[in-house]
Amino acid sequence: MSPHHLSWKTRSENNEDMVQHGTDTRGSKNAMAKLTESDVLAIRASYARQVDLAAQYGVRQQTISAILRRKEWAWLK
């Protein structure tokens, strides 16, 4: 790597660069992710009970609640 490609940035700026360059590990890019982007969109569109959605997708009810409140996967529109 050439030192000419390096620059000092804040943590926020580095995170923005990762998103722009596709090197972030958000969503299904994360090796520990149980859900995909399409799963999250289906959960948000569903009128099913949270406990039923949790059982269907193999996650906890708290995860479904956080998705619906946009505390998790908030970047996904």
PDB file of N, CA and C in Angstrom:
ATOM      1  N   MET A   1       0.837  -1.177   0.000  1.00  0.00           N
ATOM      2  CA  MET A   1       0.000   0.000   0.000  1.00  0.00           C
ATOM      3  C   MET A   1       0.882   1.240   0.000  1.00  0.00           C
ATOM      4  N   SER A   2       0.549   2.150  -0.829  1.00  0.00           N
ATOM      5  CA  SER A   2       1.304   3.395  -0.936  1.00  0.00           C
ATOM      6  C   SER A   2       0.910   4.351   0.191  1.00  0.00           C
ATOM      7  N   PRO A   3       1.872   5.000   0.816  1.00  0.00           N
ATOM      8  CA  PRO A   3       1.534   5.962   1.874  1.00  0.00           C
ATOM      9  C   PRO A   3       0.764   7.168   1.345  1.00  0.00           C
ATOM     10  N   HIS A   4       0.763   7.381   0.047  1.00  0.00           N
ATOM     11  CA  HIS A   4       0.022   8.503  -0.544  1.00  0.00           C
ATOM     12  C   HIS A   4      -1.489   8.274  -0.476  1.00  0.00           C
ATOM     13  N   HIS A   5      -1.894   7.028  -0.222  1.00  0.00           N
ATOM     14  CA  HIS A   5      -3.315   6.709  -0.127  1.00  0.00           C
ATOM     15  C   HIS A   5      -3.852   6.870   1.291  1.00  0.00           C
ATOM     16  N   LEU A   6      -2.969   7.156   2.228  1.00  0.00           N
ATOM     17  CA  LEU A   6      -3.353   7.267   3.630  1.00  0.00           C
ATOM     18  C   LEU A   6      -3.657   8.716   3.996  1.00  0.00           C
ATOM     19  N   SER A   7      -4.621   8.886   4.893  1.00  0.00           N
ATOM     20  CA  SER A   7      -4.930  10.216   5.406  1.00  0.00           C
ATOM     21  C   SER A   7      -5.508  10.079   6.806  1.00  0.00           C
ATOM     22  N   TRP A   8      -5.329  11.141   7.598  1.00  0.00           N
ATOM     23  CA  TRP A   8      -5.869  11.145   8.950  1.00  0.00           C
ATOM     24  C   TRP A   8      -7.348  11.472   8.895  1.00  0.00           C
ATOM     25  N   LYS A   9      -8.154  10.624   9.553  1.00  0.00           N
ATOM     26  CA  LYS A   9      -9.596  10.847   9.582  1.00  0.00           C
ATOM     27  C   LYS A   9     -10.137  10.481  10.953  1.00  0.00           C
ATOM     28  N   THR A  10     -11.324  11.000  11.246  1.00  0.00           N
ATOM     29  CA  THR A  10     -11.996  10.639  12.485  1.00  0.00           C
ATOM     30  C   THR A  10     -12.593   9.237  12.332  1.00  0.00           C
ATOM     31  N   ARG A  11     -13.016   8.667  13.427  1.00  0.00           N
ATOM     32  CA  ARG A  11     -13.656   7.353  13.393  1.00  0.00           C
ATOM     33  C   ARG A  11     -14.899   7.389  12.502  1.00  0.00           C
ATOM     34  N   SER A  12     -15.674   8.437  12.615  1.00  0.00           N
ATOM     35  CA  SER A  12     -16.877   8.586  11.806  1.00  0.00           C
ATOM     36  C   SER A  12     -16.531   8.639  10.317  1.00  0.00           C
ATOM     37  N   GLU A  13     -15.501   9.391   9.972  1.00  0.00           N
ATOM     38  CA  GLU A  13     -15.081   9.479   8.569  1.00  0.00           C
ATOM     39  C   GLU A  13     -14.580   8.124   8.056  1.00  0.00           C
ATOM     40  N   ASN A  14     -13.853   7.394   8.894  1.00  0.00           N
ATOM     41  CA  ASN A  14     -13.386   6.059   8.503  1.00  0.00           C
ATOM     42  C   ASN A  14     -14.567   5.128   8.265  1.00  0.00           C
ATOM     43  N   ASN A  15     -15.585   5.205   9.127  1.00  0.00           N
ATOM     44  CA  ASN A  15     -16.778   4.369   8.949  1.00  0.00           C
ATOM     45  C   ASN A  15     -17.498   4.719   7.648  1.00  0.00           C
ATOM     46  N   GLU A  16     -17.593   6.004   7.335  1.00  0.00           N
ATOM     47  CA  GLU A  16     -18.212   6.422   6.078  1.00  0.00           C
ATOM     48  C   GLU A  16     -17.435   5.875   4.882  1.00  0.00           C
ATOM     49  N   ASP A  17     -16.108   5.899   4.975  1.00  0.00           N
ATOM     50  CA  ASP A  17     -15.274   5.355   3.899  1.00  0.00           C
ATOM     51  C   ASP A  17     -15.518   3.860   3.713  1.00  0.00           C
ATOM     52  N   MET A  18     -15.658   3.125   4.810  1.00  0.00           N
ATOM     53  CA  MET A  18     -15.918   1.687   4.704  1.00  0.00           C
ATOM     54  C   MET A  18     -17.230   1.416   3.981  1.00  0.00           C
ATOM     55  N   VAL A  19     -18.249   2.204   4.280  1.00  0.00           N
ATOM     56  CA  VAL A  19     -19.539   2.037   3.602  1.00  0.00           C
ATOM     57  C   VAL A  19     -19.390   2.356   2.114  1.00  0.00           C
ATOM     58  N   GLN A  20     -18.714   3.444   1.806  1.00  0.00           N
ATOM     59  CA  GLN A  20     -18.532   3.846   0.411  1.00  0.00           C
ATOM     60  C   GLN A  20     -17.737   2.823  -0.391  1.00  0.00           C
ATOM     61  N   HIS A  21     -16.736   2.219   0.243  1.00  0.00           N
ATOM     62  CA  HIS A  21     -15.877   1.266  -0.459  1.00  0.00           C
ATOM     63  C   HIS A  21     -16.383  -0.174  -0.365  1.00  0.00           C
ATOM     64  N   GLY A  22     -17.472  -0.388   0.368  1.00  0.00           N
ATOM     65  CA  GLY A  22     -18.034  -1.729   0.481  1.00  0.00           C
ATOM     66  C   GLY A  22     -17.246  -2.657   1.384  1.00  0.00           C
ATOM     67  N   THR A  23     -16.453  -2.101   2.290  1.00  0.00           N
ATOM     68  CA  THR A  23     -15.657  -2.930   3.185  1.00  0.00           C
ATOM     69  C   THR A  23     -16.221  -2.975   4.600  1.00  0.00           C
ATOM     70  N   ASP A  24     -17.425  -2.455   4.783  1.00  0.00           N
ATOM     71  CA  ASP A  24     -18.079  -2.509   6.089  1.00  0.00           C
ATOM     72  C   ASP A  24     -18.608  -3.923   6.328  1.00  0.00           C
ATOM     73  N   THR A  25     -18.958  -4.208   7.558  1.00  0.00           N
ATOM     74  CA  THR A  25     -19.499  -5.529   7.894  1.00  0.00           C
ATOM     75  C   THR A  25     -20.903  -5.413   8.474  1.00  0.00           C
ATOM     76  N   ARG A  26     -21.691  -4.506   7.912  1.00  0.00           N
ATOM     77  CA  ARG A  26     -23.075  -4.352   8.365  1.00  0.00           C
ATOM     78  C   ARG A  26     -23.928  -5.448   7.756  1.00  0.00           C
ATOM     79  N   GLY A  27     -25.036  -5.726   8.439  1.00  0.00           N
ATOM     80  CA  GLY A  27     -26.036  -6.639   7.897  1.00  0.00           C
ATOM     81  C   GLY A  27     -25.517  -8.027   7.646  1.00  0.00           C
ATOM     82  N   SER A  28     -25.878  -8.584   6.510  1.00  0.00           N
ATOM     83  CA  SER A  28     -25.521  -9.970   6.218  1.00  0.00           C
ATOM     84  C   SER A  28     -24.045 -10.135   5.867  1.00  0.00           C
ATOM     85  N   LYS A  29     -23.295  -9.052   5.736  1.00  0.00           N
ATOM     86  CA  LYS A  29     -21.846  -9.151   5.539  1.00  0.00           C
ATOM     87  C   LYS A  29     -21.152  -9.604   6.819  1.00  0.00           C
ATOM     88  N   ASN A  30     -21.825  -9.426   7.941  1.00  0.00           N
ATOM     89  CA  ASN A  30     -21.281  -9.843   9.225  1.00  0.00           C
ATOM     90  C   ASN A  30     -21.366 -11.362   9.332  1.00  0.00           C
ATOM     91  N   ALA A  31     -20.283 -11.997   9.678  1.00  0.00           N
ATOM     92  CA  ALA A  31     -20.234 -13.456   9.746  1.00  0.00           C
ATOM     93  C   ALA A  31     -21.191 -14.032  10.790  1.00  0.00           C
ATOM     94  N   MET A  32     -21.587 -13.237  11.770  1.00  0.00           N
ATOM     95  CA  MET A  32     -22.481 -13.711  12.840  1.00  0.00           C
ATOM     96  C   MET A  32     -23.952 -13.430  12.548  1.00  0.00           C
ATOM     97  N   ALA A  33     -24.254 -12.787  11.428  1.00  0.00           N
ATOM     98  CA  ALA A  33     -25.627 -12.404  11.116  1.00  0.00           C
ATOM     99  C   ALA A  33     -26.504 -13.624  10.879  1.00  0.00           C
ATOM    100  N   LYS A  34     -27.682 -13.611  11.482  1.00  0.00           N
ATOM    101  CA  LYS A  34     -28.671 -14.669  11.269  1.00  0.00           C
ATOM    102  C   LYS A  34     -29.725 -14.249  10.255  1.00  0.00           C
ATOM    103  N   LEU A  35     -29.815 -12.955  10.007  1.00  0.00           N
ATOM    104  CA  LEU A  35     -30.836 -12.421   9.111  1.00  0.00           C
ATOM    105  C   LEU A  35     -30.192 -11.796   7.882  1.00  0.00           C
ATOM    106  N   THR A  36     -30.943 -11.758   6.807  1.00  0.00           N
ATOM    107  CA  THR A  36     -30.517 -11.059   5.607  1.00  0.00           C
ATOM    108  C   THR A  36     -31.289  -9.751   5.504  1.00  0.00           C
ATOM    109  N   GLU A  37     -30.892  -8.909   4.582  1.00  0.00           N
ATOM    110  CA  GLU A  37     -31.599  -7.655   4.372  1.00  0.00           C
ATOM    111  C   GLU A  37     -33.054  -7.913   3.993  1.00  0.00           C
ATOM    112  N   SER A  38     -33.290  -8.916   3.158  1.00  0.00           N
ATOM    113  CA  SER A  38     -34.672  -9.222   2.758  1.00  0.00           C
ATOM    114  C   SER A  38     -35.489  -9.748   3.936  1.00  0.00           C
ATOM    115  N   ASP A  39     -34.859 -10.484   4.860  1.00  0.00           N
ATOM    116  CA  ASP A  39     -35.558 -10.934   6.074  1.00  0.00           C
ATOM    117  C   ASP A  39     -36.019  -9.731   6.891  1.00  0.00           C
ATOM    118  N   VAL A  40     -35.136  -8.764   7.064  1.00  0.00           N
ATOM    119  CA  VAL A  40     -35.453  -7.583   7.875  1.00  0.00           C
ATOM    120  C   VAL A  40     -36.592  -6.793   7.242  1.00  0.00           C
ATOM    121  N   LEU A  41     -36.548  -6.631   5.930  1.00  0.00           N
ATOM    122  CA  LEU A  41     -37.627  -5.912   5.259  1.00  0.00           C
ATOM    123  C   LEU A  41     -38.947  -6.664   5.390  1.00  0.00           C
ATOM    124  N   ALA A  42     -38.918  -7.992   5.328  1.00  0.00           N
ATOM    125  CA  ALA A  42     -40.131  -8.795   5.502  1.00  0.00           C
ATOM    126  C   ALA A  42     -40.658  -8.677   6.929  1.00  0.00           C
ATOM    127  N   ILE A  43     -39.762  -8.637   7.900  1.00  0.00           N
ATOM    128  CA  ILE A  43     -40.164  -8.486   9.307  1.00  0.00           C
ATOM    129  C   ILE A  43     -40.852  -7.142   9.496  1.00  0.00           C
ATOM    130  N   ARG A  44     -40.278  -6.089   8.938  1.00  0.00           N
ATOM    131  CA  ARG A  44     -40.863  -4.750   9.082  1.00  0.00           C
ATOM    132  C   ARG A  44     -42.214  -4.640   8.391  1.00  0.00           C
ATOM    133  N   ALA A  45     -42.430  -5.401   7.334  1.00  0.00           N
ATOM    134  CA  ALA A  45     -43.690  -5.340   6.593  1.00  0.00           C
ATOM    135  C   ALA A  45     -44.757  -6.252   7.194  1.00  0.00           C
ATOM    136  N   SER A  46     -44.362  -7.131   8.095  1.00  0.00           N
ATOM    137  CA  SER A  46     -45.281  -8.127   8.640  1.00  0.00           C
ATOM    138  C   SER A  46     -46.142  -7.550   9.770  1.00  0.00           C
ATOM    139  N   TYR A  47     -47.331  -8.115   9.882  1.00  0.00           N
ATOM    140  CA  TYR A  47     -48.223  -7.759  10.993  1.00  0.00           C
ATOM    141  C   TYR A  47     -48.308  -8.894  12.010  1.00  0.00           C
ATOM    142  N   ALA A  48     -47.459  -9.903  11.861  1.00  0.00           N
ATOM    143  CA  ALA A  48     -47.451 -11.039  12.782  1.00  0.00           C
ATOM    144  C   ALA A  48     -46.922 -10.601  14.146  1.00  0.00           C
ATOM    145  N   ARG A  49     -47.221 -11.412  15.150  1.00  0.00           N
ATOM    146  CA  ARG A  49     -46.726 -11.118  16.490  1.00  0.00           C
ATOM    147  C   ARG A  49     -45.204 -11.286  16.523  1.00  0.00           C
ATOM    148  N   GLN A  50     -44.573 -10.506  17.376  1.00  0.00           N
ATOM    149  CA  GLN A  50     -43.123 -10.540  17.481  1.00  0.00           C
ATOM    150  C   GLN A  50     -42.603 -11.916  17.864  1.00  0.00           C
ATOM    151  N   VAL A  51     -43.287 -12.580  18.785  1.00  0.00           N
ATOM    152  CA  VAL A  51     -42.821 -13.913  19.208  1.00  0.00           C
ATOM    153  C   VAL A  51     -42.916 -14.908  18.064  1.00  0.00           C
ATOM    154  N   ASP A  52     -43.927 -14.762  17.223  1.00  0.00           N
ATOM    155  CA  ASP A  52     -44.065 -15.653  16.072  1.00  0.00           C
ATOM    156  C   ASP A  52     -42.974 -15.382  15.037  1.00  0.00           C
ATOM    157  N   LEU A  53     -42.685 -14.113  14.810  1.00  0.00           N
ATOM    158  CA  LEU A  53     -41.608 -13.769  13.881  1.00  0.00           C
ATOM    159  C   LEU A  53     -40.258 -14.263  14.398  1.00  0.00           C
ATOM    160  N   ALA A  54     -40.050 -14.132  15.692  1.00  0.00           N
ATOM    161  CA  ALA A  54     -38.797 -14.601  16.288  1.00  0.00           C
ATOM    162  C   ALA A  54     -38.620 -16.102  16.078  1.00  0.00           C
ATOM    163  N   ALA A  55     -39.675 -16.857  16.291  1.00  0.00           N
ATOM    164  CA  ALA A  55     -39.603 -18.305  16.083  1.00  0.00           C
ATOM    165  C   ALA A  55     -39.374 -18.633  14.612  1.00  0.00           C
ATOM    166  N   GLN A  56     -40.018 -17.912  13.736  1.00  0.00           N
ATOM    167  CA  GLN A  56     -39.883 -18.150  12.293  1.00  0.00           C
ATOM    168  C   GLN A  56     -38.457 -17.903  11.806  1.00  0.00           C
ATOM    169  N   TYR A  57     -37.814 -16.854  12.313  1.00  0.00           N
ATOM    170  CA  TYR A  57     -36.487 -16.480  11.837  1.00  0.00           C
ATOM    171  C   TYR A  57     -35.352 -16.983  12.737  1.00  0.00           C
ATOM    172  N   GLY A  58     -35.677 -17.626  13.828  1.00  0.00           N
ATOM    173  CA  GLY A  58     -34.650 -18.189  14.698  1.00  0.00           C
ATOM    174  C   GLY A  58     -33.865 -17.162  15.484  1.00  0.00           C
ATOM    175  N   VAL A  59     -34.534 -16.085  15.871  1.00  0.00           N
ATOM    176  CA  VAL A  59     -33.910 -15.047  16.691  1.00  0.00           C
ATOM    177  C   VAL A  59     -34.785 -14.798  17.915  1.00  0.00           C
ATOM    178  N   ARG A  60     -34.308 -13.958  18.822  1.00  0.00           N
ATOM    179  CA  ARG A  60     -35.083 -13.643  20.019  1.00  0.00           C
ATOM    180  C   ARG A  60     -36.130 -12.576  19.719  1.00  0.00           C
ATOM    181  N   GLN A  61     -37.151 -12.531  20.532  1.00  0.00           N
ATOM    182  CA  GLN A  61     -38.210 -11.525  20.376  1.00  0.00           C
ATOM    183  C   GLN A  61     -37.630 -10.128  20.519  1.00  0.00           C
ATOM    184  N   GLN A  62     -36.626  -9.965  21.378  1.00  0.00           N
ATOM    185  CA  GLN A  62     -35.994  -8.666  21.575  1.00  0.00           C
ATOM    186  C   GLN A  62     -35.335  -8.174  20.283  1.00  0.00           C
ATOM    187  N   THR A  63     -34.806  -9.100  19.492  1.00  0.00           N
ATOM    188  CA  THR A  63     -34.203  -8.737  18.215  1.00  0.00           C
ATOM    189  C   THR A  63     -35.263  -8.216  17.258  1.00  0.00           C
ATOM    190  N   ILE A  64     -36.407  -8.890  17.200  1.00  0.00           N
ATOM    191  CA  ILE A  64     -37.500  -8.453  16.343  1.00  0.00           C
ATOM    192  C   ILE A  64     -37.964  -7.064  16.775  1.00  0.00           C
ATOM    193  N   SER A  65     -38.103  -6.860  18.071  1.00  0.00           N
ATOM    194  CA  SER A  65     -38.519  -5.556  18.593  1.00  0.00           C
ATOM    195  C   SER A  65     -37.525  -4.468  18.198  1.00  0.00           C
ATOM    196  N   ALA A  66     -36.243  -4.740  18.327  1.00  0.00           N
ATOM    197  CA  ALA A  66     -35.216  -3.756  17.980  1.00  0.00           C
ATOM    198  C   ALA A  66     -35.236  -3.437  16.483  1.00  0.00           C
ATOM    199  N   ILE A  67     -35.513  -4.437  15.662  1.00  0.00           N
ATOM    200  CA  ILE A  67     -35.620  -4.212  14.216  1.00  0.00           C
ATOM    201  C   ILE A  67     -36.816  -3.312  13.923  1.00  0.00           C
ATOM    202  N   LEU A  68     -37.946  -3.594  14.542  1.00  0.00           N
ATOM    203  CA  LEU A  68     -39.155  -2.806  14.303  1.00  0.00           C
ATOM    204  C   LEU A  68     -39.017  -1.368  14.801  1.00  0.00           C
ATOM    205  N   ARG A  69     -38.249  -1.187  15.878  1.00  0.00           N
ATOM    206  CA  ARG A  69     -38.011   0.159  16.408  1.00  0.00           C
ATOM    207  C   ARG A  69     -36.816   0.832  15.733  1.00  0.00           C
ATOM    208  N   ARG A  70     -36.206   0.143  14.782  1.00  0.00           N
ATOM    209  CA  ARG A  70     -35.049   0.617  14.026  1.00  0.00           C
ATOM    210  C   ARG A  70     -33.849   0.906  14.916  1.00  0.00           C
ATOM    211  N   LYS A  71     -33.722   0.136  15.985  1.00  0.00           N
ATOM    212  CA  LYS A  71     -32.520   0.198  16.831  1.00  0.00           C
ATOM    213  C   LYS A  71     -31.449  -0.716  16.254  1.00  0.00           C
ATOM    214  N   GLU A  72     -31.857  -1.741  15.525  1.00  0.00           N
ATOM    215  CA  GLU A  72     -30.962  -2.617  14.778  1.00  0.00           C
ATOM    216  C   GLU A  72     -31.340  -2.525  13.313  1.00  0.00           C
ATOM    217  N   TRP A  73     -30.361  -2.656  12.449  1.00  0.00           N
ATOM    218  CA  TRP A  73     -30.550  -2.540  11.001  1.00  0.00           C
ATOM    219  C   TRP A  73     -31.151  -1.183  10.640  1.00  0.00           C
ATOM    220  N   ALA A  74     -30.810  -0.147  11.411  1.00  0.00           N
ATOM    221  CA  ALA A  74     -31.387   1.185  11.205  1.00  0.00           C
ATOM    222  C   ALA A  74     -31.003   1.769   9.850  1.00  0.00           C
ATOM    223  N   TRP A  75     -29.880   1.401   9.329  1.00  0.00           N
ATOM    224  CA  TRP A  75     -29.412   1.926   8.044  1.00  0.00           C
ATOM    225  C   TRP A  75     -30.215   1.391   6.870  1.00  0.00           C
ATOM    226  N   LEU A  76     -30.933   0.297   7.070  1.00  0.00           N
ATOM    227  CA  LEU A  76     -31.680  -0.339   5.985  1.00  0.00           C
ATOM    228  C   LEU A  76     -33.019   0.361   5.837  1.00  0.00           C
ATOM    229  N   LYS A  77     -33.306   0.892   4.671  1.00  0.00           N
ATOM    230  CA  LYS A  77     -34.552   1.633   4.441  1.00  0.00           C
ATOM    231  C   LYS A  77     -35.689   0.714   4.109  1.00  0.00           C
TER     232      LYS A  77
END
